Amino acid sequence: NDRPKYEQLLKRFNSDKTVAQVFADKA
């Protein structure tokens, strides 16, 4: 539930569809 950590993960794994999908779904 830590939005800054999510954004950090998205930057680090910007080509990982699972990370992006979870971010979008959760939001």
PDB file of all heavy atoms in Angstrom:
ATOM      1  N   ASN A   1       0.810  -1.216   0.000  1.00  0.00           N
ATOM      2  CA  ASN A   1       0.000   0.000   0.000  1.00  0.00           C
ATOM      3  C   ASN A   1       0.846   1.271   0.000  1.00  0.00           C
ATOM      4  O   ASN A   1       0.351   2.347   0.318  1.00  0.00           O
ATOM      5  CB  ASN A   1      -0.923   0.013   1.224  1.00  0.00           C
ATOM      6  CG  ASN A   1      -1.976  -1.058   1.125  1.00  0.00           C
ATOM      7  OD1 ASN A   1      -2.541  -1.278   0.058  1.00  0.00           O
ATOM      8  ND2 ASN A   1      -2.217  -1.755   2.224  1.00  0.00           N
ATOM      9  N   ASP A   2       2.082   1.153  -0.370  1.00  0.00           N
ATOM     10  CA  ASP A   2       3.015   2.272  -0.353  1.00  0.00           C
ATOM     11  C   ASP A   2       3.192   2.792  -1.779  1.00  0.00           C
ATOM     12  O   ASP A   2       3.932   2.231  -2.580  1.00  0.00           O
ATOM     13  CB  ASP A   2       4.349   1.789   0.226  1.00  0.00           C
ATOM     14  CG  ASP A   2       5.369   2.889   0.382  1.00  0.00           C
ATOM     15  OD1 ASP A   2       5.133   4.018  -0.097  1.00  0.00           O
ATOM     16  OD2 ASP A   2       6.420   2.616   0.985  1.00  0.00           O
ATOM     17  N   ARG A   3       2.474   3.887  -2.088  1.00  0.00           N
ATOM     18  CA  ARG A   3       2.492   4.426  -3.453  1.00  0.00           C
ATOM     19  C   ARG A   3       3.892   4.808  -3.929  1.00  0.00           C
ATOM     20  O   ARG A   3       4.283   4.464  -5.052  1.00  0.00           O
ATOM     21  CB  ARG A   3       1.539   5.605  -3.547  1.00  0.00           C
ATOM     22  CG  ARG A   3       1.485   6.178  -4.934  1.00  0.00           C
ATOM     23  CD  ARG A   3       0.490   7.291  -4.994  1.00  0.00           C
ATOM     24  NE  ARG A   3       0.653   8.018  -6.239  1.00  0.00           N
ATOM     25  CZ  ARG A   3      -0.277   8.739  -6.766  1.00  0.00           C
ATOM     26  NH1 ARG A   3      -1.447   8.844  -6.184  1.00  0.00           N
ATOM     27  NH2 ARG A   3      -0.058   9.378  -7.887  1.00  0.00           N
ATOM     28  N   PRO A   4       4.703   5.510  -3.130  1.00  0.00           N
ATOM     29  CA  PRO A   4       6.062   5.829  -3.593  1.00  0.00           C
ATOM     30  C   PRO A   4       6.889   4.576  -3.905  1.00  0.00           C
ATOM     31  O   PRO A   4       7.660   4.560  -4.854  1.00  0.00           O
ATOM     32  CB  PRO A   4       6.674   6.625  -2.434  1.00  0.00           C
ATOM     33  CG  PRO A   4       5.497   7.199  -1.716  1.00  0.00           C
ATOM     34  CD  PRO A   4       4.400   6.182  -1.851  1.00  0.00           C
ATOM     35  N   LYS A   5       6.682   3.538  -3.105  1.00  0.00           N
ATOM     36  CA  LYS A   5       7.411   2.297  -3.370  1.00  0.00           C
ATOM     37  C   LYS A   5       6.937   1.672  -4.682  1.00  0.00           C
ATOM     38  O   LYS A   5       7.735   1.148  -5.461  1.00  0.00           O
ATOM     39  CB  LYS A   5       7.240   1.310  -2.219  1.00  0.00           C
ATOM     40  CG  LYS A   5       8.112   0.097  -2.348  1.00  0.00           C
ATOM     41  CD  LYS A   5       8.235  -0.622  -1.033  1.00  0.00           C
ATOM     42  CE  LYS A   5       9.350  -1.631  -1.128  1.00  0.00           C
ATOM     43  NZ  LYS A   5      10.045  -1.834   0.099  1.00  0.00           N
ATOM     44  N   TYR A   6       5.630   1.749  -4.946  1.00  0.00           N
ATOM     45  CA  TYR A   6       5.085   1.278  -6.225  1.00  0.00           C
ATOM     46  C   TYR A   6       5.728   2.023  -7.386  1.00  0.00           C
ATOM     47  O   TYR A   6       6.152   1.427  -8.378  1.00  0.00           O
ATOM     48  CB  TYR A   6       3.577   1.525  -6.292  1.00  0.00           C
ATOM     49  CG  TYR A   6       2.736   0.296  -6.121  1.00  0.00           C
ATOM     50  CD1 TYR A   6       1.823   0.223  -5.088  1.00  0.00           C
ATOM     51  CD2 TYR A   6       2.831  -0.772  -6.997  1.00  0.00           C
ATOM     52  CE1 TYR A   6       1.035  -0.890  -4.927  1.00  0.00           C
ATOM     53  CE2 TYR A   6       2.040  -1.890  -6.834  1.00  0.00           C
ATOM     54  CZ  TYR A   6       1.142  -1.954  -5.796  1.00  0.00           C
ATOM     55  OH  TYR A   6       0.367  -3.046  -5.642  1.00  0.00           O
ATOM     56  N   GLU A   7       5.794   3.321  -7.253  1.00  0.00           N
ATOM     57  CA  GLU A   7       6.365   4.125  -8.323  1.00  0.00           C
ATOM     58  C   GLU A   7       7.841   3.802  -8.520  1.00  0.00           C
ATOM     59  O   GLU A   7       8.325   3.739  -9.656  1.00  0.00           O
ATOM     60  CB  GLU A   7       6.148   5.611  -8.038  1.00  0.00           C
ATOM     61  CG  GLU A   7       4.698   6.007  -8.164  1.00  0.00           C
ATOM     62  CD  GLU A   7       4.434   7.479  -7.866  1.00  0.00           C
ATOM     63  OE1 GLU A   7       5.385   8.211  -7.529  1.00  0.00           O
ATOM     64  OE2 GLU A   7       3.270   7.886  -7.974  1.00  0.00           O
ATOM     65  N   GLN A   8       8.531   3.550  -7.430  1.00  0.00           N
ATOM     66  CA  GLN A   8       9.928   3.155  -7.518  1.00  0.00           C
ATOM     67  C   GLN A   8      10.050   1.809  -8.238  1.00  0.00           C
ATOM     68  O   GLN A   8      10.926   1.635  -9.088  1.00  0.00           O
ATOM     69  CB  GLN A   8      10.519   3.056  -6.112  1.00  0.00           C
ATOM     70  CG  GLN A   8      11.962   2.622  -6.067  1.00  0.00           C
ATOM     71  CD  GLN A   8      12.456   2.447  -4.647  1.00  0.00           C
ATOM     72  OE1 GLN A   8      11.737   2.672  -3.670  1.00  0.00           O
ATOM     73  NE2 GLN A   8      13.692   2.022  -4.512  1.00  0.00           N
ATOM     74  N   LEU A   9       9.176   0.876  -7.928  1.00  0.00           N
ATOM     75  CA  LEU A   9       9.191  -0.428  -8.600  1.00  0.00           C
ATOM     76  C   LEU A   9       8.865  -0.287 -10.085  1.00  0.00           C
ATOM     77  O   LEU A   9       9.456  -0.969 -10.926  1.00  0.00           O
ATOM     78  CB  LEU A   9       8.212  -1.387  -7.927  1.00  0.00           C
ATOM     79  CG  LEU A   9       8.595  -1.876  -6.540  1.00  0.00           C
ATOM     80  CD1 LEU A   9       7.445  -2.639  -5.894  1.00  0.00           C
ATOM     81  CD2 LEU A   9       9.854  -2.718  -6.585  1.00  0.00           C
ATOM     82  N   LEU A  10       7.922   0.606 -10.397  1.00  0.00           N
ATOM     83  CA  LEU A  10       7.583   0.831 -11.802  1.00  0.00           C
ATOM     84  C   LEU A  10       8.765   1.419 -12.578  1.00  0.00           C
ATOM     85  O   LEU A  10       8.985   1.062 -13.735  1.00  0.00           O
ATOM     86  CB  LEU A  10       6.377   1.760 -11.921  1.00  0.00           C
ATOM     87  CG  LEU A  10       5.018   1.089 -11.795  1.00  0.00           C
ATOM     88  CD1 LEU A  10       3.923   2.135 -11.689  1.00  0.00           C
ATOM     89  CD2 LEU A  10       4.768   0.172 -12.970  1.00  0.00           C
ATOM     90  N   LYS A  11       9.496   2.308 -11.948  1.00  0.00           N
ATOM     91  CA  LYS A  11      10.672   2.870 -12.617  1.00  0.00           C
ATOM     92  C   LYS A  11      11.735   1.796 -12.825  1.00  0.00           C
ATOM     93  O   LYS A  11      12.346   1.720 -13.880  1.00  0.00           O
ATOM     94  CB  LYS A  11      11.254   4.020 -11.791  1.00  0.00           C
ATOM     95  CG  LYS A  11      10.452   5.282 -11.867  1.00  0.00           C
ATOM     96  CD  LYS A  11      11.071   6.372 -11.001  1.00  0.00           C
ATOM     97  CE  LYS A  11      10.177   7.588 -10.967  1.00  0.00           C
ATOM     98  NZ  LYS A  11      10.681   8.607 -10.045  1.00  0.00           N
ATOM     99  N   ARG A  12      11.941   0.992 -11.808  1.00  0.00           N
ATOM    100  CA  ARG A  12      12.984  -0.050 -11.861  1.00  0.00           C
ATOM    101  C   ARG A  12      12.608  -1.169 -12.832  1.00  0.00           C
ATOM    102  O   ARG A  12      13.447  -1.702 -13.538  1.00  0.00           O
ATOM    103  CB  ARG A  12      13.199  -0.607 -10.451  1.00  0.00           C
ATOM    104  CG  ARG A  12      14.031  -1.852 -10.359  1.00  0.00           C
ATOM    105  CD  ARG A  12      15.519  -1.558 -10.456  1.00  0.00           C
ATOM    106  NE  ARG A  12      16.332  -2.676 -10.057  1.00  0.00           N
ATOM    107  CZ  ARG A  12      16.572  -3.748 -10.805  1.00  0.00           C
ATOM    108  NH1 ARG A  12      16.043  -3.864 -11.985  1.00  0.00           N
ATOM    109  NH2 ARG A  12      17.339  -4.711 -10.353  1.00  0.00           N
ATOM    110  N   PHE A  13      11.335  -1.534 -12.868  1.00  0.00           N
ATOM    111  CA  PHE A  13      10.870  -2.638 -13.701  1.00  0.00           C
ATOM    112  C   PHE A  13       9.868  -2.119 -14.726  1.00  0.00           C
ATOM    113  O   PHE A  13       8.760  -2.629 -14.854  1.00  0.00           O
ATOM    114  CB  PHE A  13      10.232  -3.731 -12.829  1.00  0.00           C
ATOM    115  CG  PHE A  13      11.164  -4.274 -11.798  1.00  0.00           C
ATOM    116  CD1 PHE A  13      11.069  -3.864 -10.473  1.00  0.00           C
ATOM    117  CD2 PHE A  13      12.156  -5.170 -12.145  1.00  0.00           C
ATOM    118  CE1 PHE A  13      11.939  -4.362  -9.518  1.00  0.00           C
ATOM    119  CE2 PHE A  13      13.031  -5.671 -11.194  1.00  0.00           C
ATOM    120  CZ  PHE A  13      12.925  -5.262  -9.871  1.00  0.00           C
ATOM    121  N   ASN A  14      10.266  -1.101 -15.467  1.00  0.00           N
ATOM    122  CA  ASN A  14       9.343  -0.433 -16.380  1.00  0.00           C
ATOM    123  C   ASN A  14       8.903  -1.307 -17.555  1.00  0.00           C
ATOM    124  O   ASN A  14       7.925  -0.998 -18.215  1.00  0.00           O
ATOM    125  CB  ASN A  14       9.930   0.889 -16.877  1.00  0.00           C
ATOM    126  CG  ASN A  14      11.232   0.686 -17.631  1.00  0.00           C
ATOM    127  OD1 ASN A  14      11.703  -0.426 -17.800  1.00  0.00           O
ATOM    128  ND2 ASN A  14      11.821   1.794 -18.047  1.00  0.00           N
ATOM    129  N   SER A  15       9.589  -2.401 -17.794  1.00  0.00           N
ATOM    130  CA  SER A  15       9.157  -3.283 -18.887  1.00  0.00           C
ATOM    131  C   SER A  15       8.427  -4.521 -18.369  1.00  0.00           C
ATOM    132  O   SER A  15       8.053  -5.386 -19.155  1.00  0.00           O
ATOM    133  CB  SER A  15      10.365  -3.700 -19.730  1.00  0.00           C
ATOM    134  OG  SER A  15      11.262  -4.454 -18.941  1.00  0.00           O
ATOM    135  N   ASP A  16       8.213  -4.607 -17.056  1.00  0.00           N
ATOM    136  CA  ASP A  16       7.523  -5.760 -16.474  1.00  0.00           C
ATOM    137  C   ASP A  16       6.019  -5.492 -16.472  1.00  0.00           C
ATOM    138  O   ASP A  16       5.522  -4.635 -15.747  1.00  0.00           O
ATOM    139  CB  ASP A  16       8.019  -6.017 -15.047  1.00  0.00           C
ATOM    140  CG  ASP A  16       7.543  -7.342 -14.500  1.00  0.00           C
ATOM    141  OD1 ASP A  16       6.315  -7.570 -14.490  1.00  0.00           O
ATOM    142  OD2 ASP A  16       8.385  -8.144 -14.082  1.00  0.00           O
ATOM    143  N   LYS A  17       5.310  -6.242 -17.308  1.00  0.00           N
ATOM    144  CA  LYS A  17       3.867  -6.022 -17.449  1.00  0.00           C
ATOM    145  C   LYS A  17       3.104  -6.356 -16.177  1.00  0.00           C
ATOM    146  O   LYS A  17       2.109  -5.706 -15.865  1.00  0.00           O
ATOM    147  CB  LYS A  17       3.323  -6.851 -18.612  1.00  0.00           C
ATOM    148  CG  LYS A  17       3.761  -6.342 -19.950  1.00  0.00           C
ATOM    149  CD  LYS A  17       3.133  -7.126 -21.071  1.00  0.00           C
ATOM    150  CE  LYS A  17       3.583  -6.577 -22.412  1.00  0.00           C
ATOM    151  NZ  LYS A  17       2.981  -7.298 -23.522  1.00  0.00           N
ATOM    152  N   THR A  18       3.562  -7.348 -15.436  1.00  0.00           N
ATOM    153  CA  THR A  18       2.855  -7.731 -14.199  1.00  0.00           C
ATOM    154  C   THR A  18       2.895  -6.600 -13.189  1.00  0.00           C
ATOM    155  O   THR A  18       1.881  -6.279 -12.567  1.00  0.00           O
ATOM    156  CB  THR A  18       3.463  -9.010 -13.604  1.00  0.00           C
ATOM    157  OG1 THR A  18       3.468 -10.033 -14.596  1.00  0.00           O
ATOM    158  CG2 THR A  18       2.675  -9.487 -12.409  1.00  0.00           C
ATOM    159  N   VAL A  19       4.053  -5.980 -13.019  1.00  0.00           N
ATOM    160  CA  VAL A  19       4.186  -4.868 -12.078  1.00  0.00           C
ATOM    161  C   VAL A  19       3.270  -3.723 -12.495  1.00  0.00           C
ATOM    162  O   VAL A  19       2.526  -3.174 -11.678  1.00  0.00           O
ATOM    163  CB  VAL A  19       5.659  -4.389 -11.988  1.00  0.00           C
ATOM    164  CG1 VAL A  19       5.771  -3.131 -11.131  1.00  0.00           C
ATOM    165  CG2 VAL A  19       6.536  -5.492 -11.428  1.00  0.00           C
ATOM    166  N   ALA A  20       3.271  -3.381 -13.770  1.00  0.00           N
ATOM    167  CA  ALA A  20       2.432  -2.285 -14.270  1.00  0.00           C
ATOM    168  C   ALA A  20       0.952  -2.633 -14.148  1.00  0.00           C
ATOM    169  O   ALA A  20       0.136  -1.785 -13.756  1.00  0.00           O
ATOM    170  CB  ALA A  20       2.781  -1.980 -15.717  1.00  0.00           C
ATOM    171  N   GLN A  21       0.611  -3.874 -14.448  1.00  0.00           N
ATOM    172  CA  GLN A  21      -0.792  -4.297 -14.379  1.00  0.00           C
ATOM    173  C   GLN A  21      -1.326  -4.210 -12.952  1.00  0.00           C
ATOM    174  O   GLN A  21      -2.423  -3.698 -12.727  1.00  0.00           O
ATOM    175  CB  GLN A  21      -0.905  -5.740 -14.871  1.00  0.00           C
ATOM    176  CG  GLN A  21      -1.876  -5.928 -15.976  1.00  0.00           C
ATOM    177  CD  GLN A  21      -1.774  -7.338 -16.537  1.00  0.00           C
ATOM    178  OE1 GLN A  21      -1.111  -8.222 -16.004  1.00  0.00           O
ATOM    179  NE2 GLN A  21      -2.461  -7.542 -17.643  1.00  0.00           N
ATOM    180  N   VAL A  22      -0.549  -4.692 -12.006  1.00  0.00           N
ATOM    181  CA  VAL A  22      -0.986  -4.644 -10.609  1.00  0.00           C
ATOM    182  C   VAL A  22      -1.127  -3.206 -10.151  1.00  0.00           C
ATOM    183  O   VAL A  22      -2.083  -2.849  -9.459  1.00  0.00           O
ATOM    184  CB  VAL A  22      -0.022  -5.426  -9.693  1.00  0.00           C
ATOM    185  CG1 VAL A  22      -0.359  -5.215  -8.230  1.00  0.00           C
ATOM    186  CG2 VAL A  22      -0.051  -6.907 -10.027  1.00  0.00           C
ATOM    187  N   PHE A  23      -0.190  -2.373 -10.550  1.00  0.00           N
ATOM    188  CA  PHE A  23      -0.252  -0.957 -10.195  1.00  0.00           C
ATOM    189  C   PHE A  23      -1.552  -0.345 -10.719  1.00  0.00           C
ATOM    190  O   PHE A  23      -2.280   0.325  -9.993  1.00  0.00           O
ATOM    191  CB  PHE A  23       0.963  -0.240 -10.772  1.00  0.00           C
ATOM    192  CG  PHE A  23       1.042   1.225 -10.425  1.00  0.00           C
ATOM    193  CD1 PHE A  23       1.421   1.638  -9.162  1.00  0.00           C
ATOM    194  CD2 PHE A  23       0.753   2.195 -11.374  1.00  0.00           C
ATOM    195  CE1 PHE A  23       1.506   2.982  -8.844  1.00  0.00           C
ATOM    196  CE2 PHE A  23       0.844   3.541 -11.060  1.00  0.00           C
ATOM    197  CZ  PHE A  23       1.218   3.936  -9.797  1.00  0.00           C
ATOM    198  N   ALA A  24      -1.855  -0.605 -11.976  1.00  0.00           N
ATOM    199  CA  ALA A  24      -3.059  -0.044 -12.592  1.00  0.00           C
ATOM    200  C   ALA A  24      -4.324  -0.654 -11.980  1.00  0.00           C
ATOM    201  O   ALA A  24      -5.286   0.059 -11.686  1.00  0.00           O
ATOM    202  CB  ALA A  24      -3.031  -0.277 -14.093  1.00  0.00           C
ATOM    203  N   ASP A  25      -4.337  -1.981 -11.782  1.00  0.00           N
ATOM    204  CA  ASP A  25      -5.508  -2.655 -11.205  1.00  0.00           C
ATOM    205  C   ASP A  25      -5.787  -2.175  -9.787  1.00  0.00           C
ATOM    206  O   ASP A  25      -6.923  -1.897  -9.428  1.00  0.00           O
ATOM    207  CB  ASP A  25      -5.305  -4.173 -11.174  1.00  0.00           C
ATOM    208  CG  ASP A  25      -5.304  -4.794 -12.552  1.00  0.00           C
ATOM    209  OD1 ASP A  25      -5.685  -4.101 -13.527  1.00  0.00           O
ATOM    210  OD2 ASP A  25      -4.907  -5.968 -12.660  1.00  0.00           O
ATOM    211  N   LYS A  26      -4.742  -2.099  -8.999  1.00  0.00           N
ATOM    212  CA  LYS A  26      -4.915  -1.708  -7.598  1.00  0.00           C
ATOM    213  C   LYS A  26      -5.406  -0.269  -7.486  1.00  0.00           C
ATOM    214  O   LYS A  26      -6.212   0.052  -6.633  1.00  0.00           O
ATOM    215  CB  LYS A  26      -3.612  -1.873  -6.841  1.00  0.00           C
ATOM    216  CG  LYS A  26      -3.783  -1.684  -5.368  1.00  0.00           C
ATOM    217  CD  LYS A  26      -2.574  -2.146  -4.637  1.00  0.00           C
ATOM    218  CE  LYS A  26      -2.753  -1.774  -3.200  1.00  0.00           C
ATOM    219  NZ  LYS A  26      -2.519  -2.766  -2.263  1.00  0.00           N
ATOM    220  N   ALA A  27      -4.931   0.561  -8.365  1.00  0.00           N
ATOM    221  CA  ALA A  27      -5.337   1.959  -8.330  1.00  0.00           C
ATOM    222  C   ALA A  27      -6.728   2.150  -8.913  1.00  0.00           C
ATOM    223  O   ALA A  27      -7.311   3.214  -8.775  1.00  0.00           O
ATOM    224  CB  ALA A  27      -4.332   2.802  -9.107  1.00  0.00           C
TER     225      ALA A  27
END
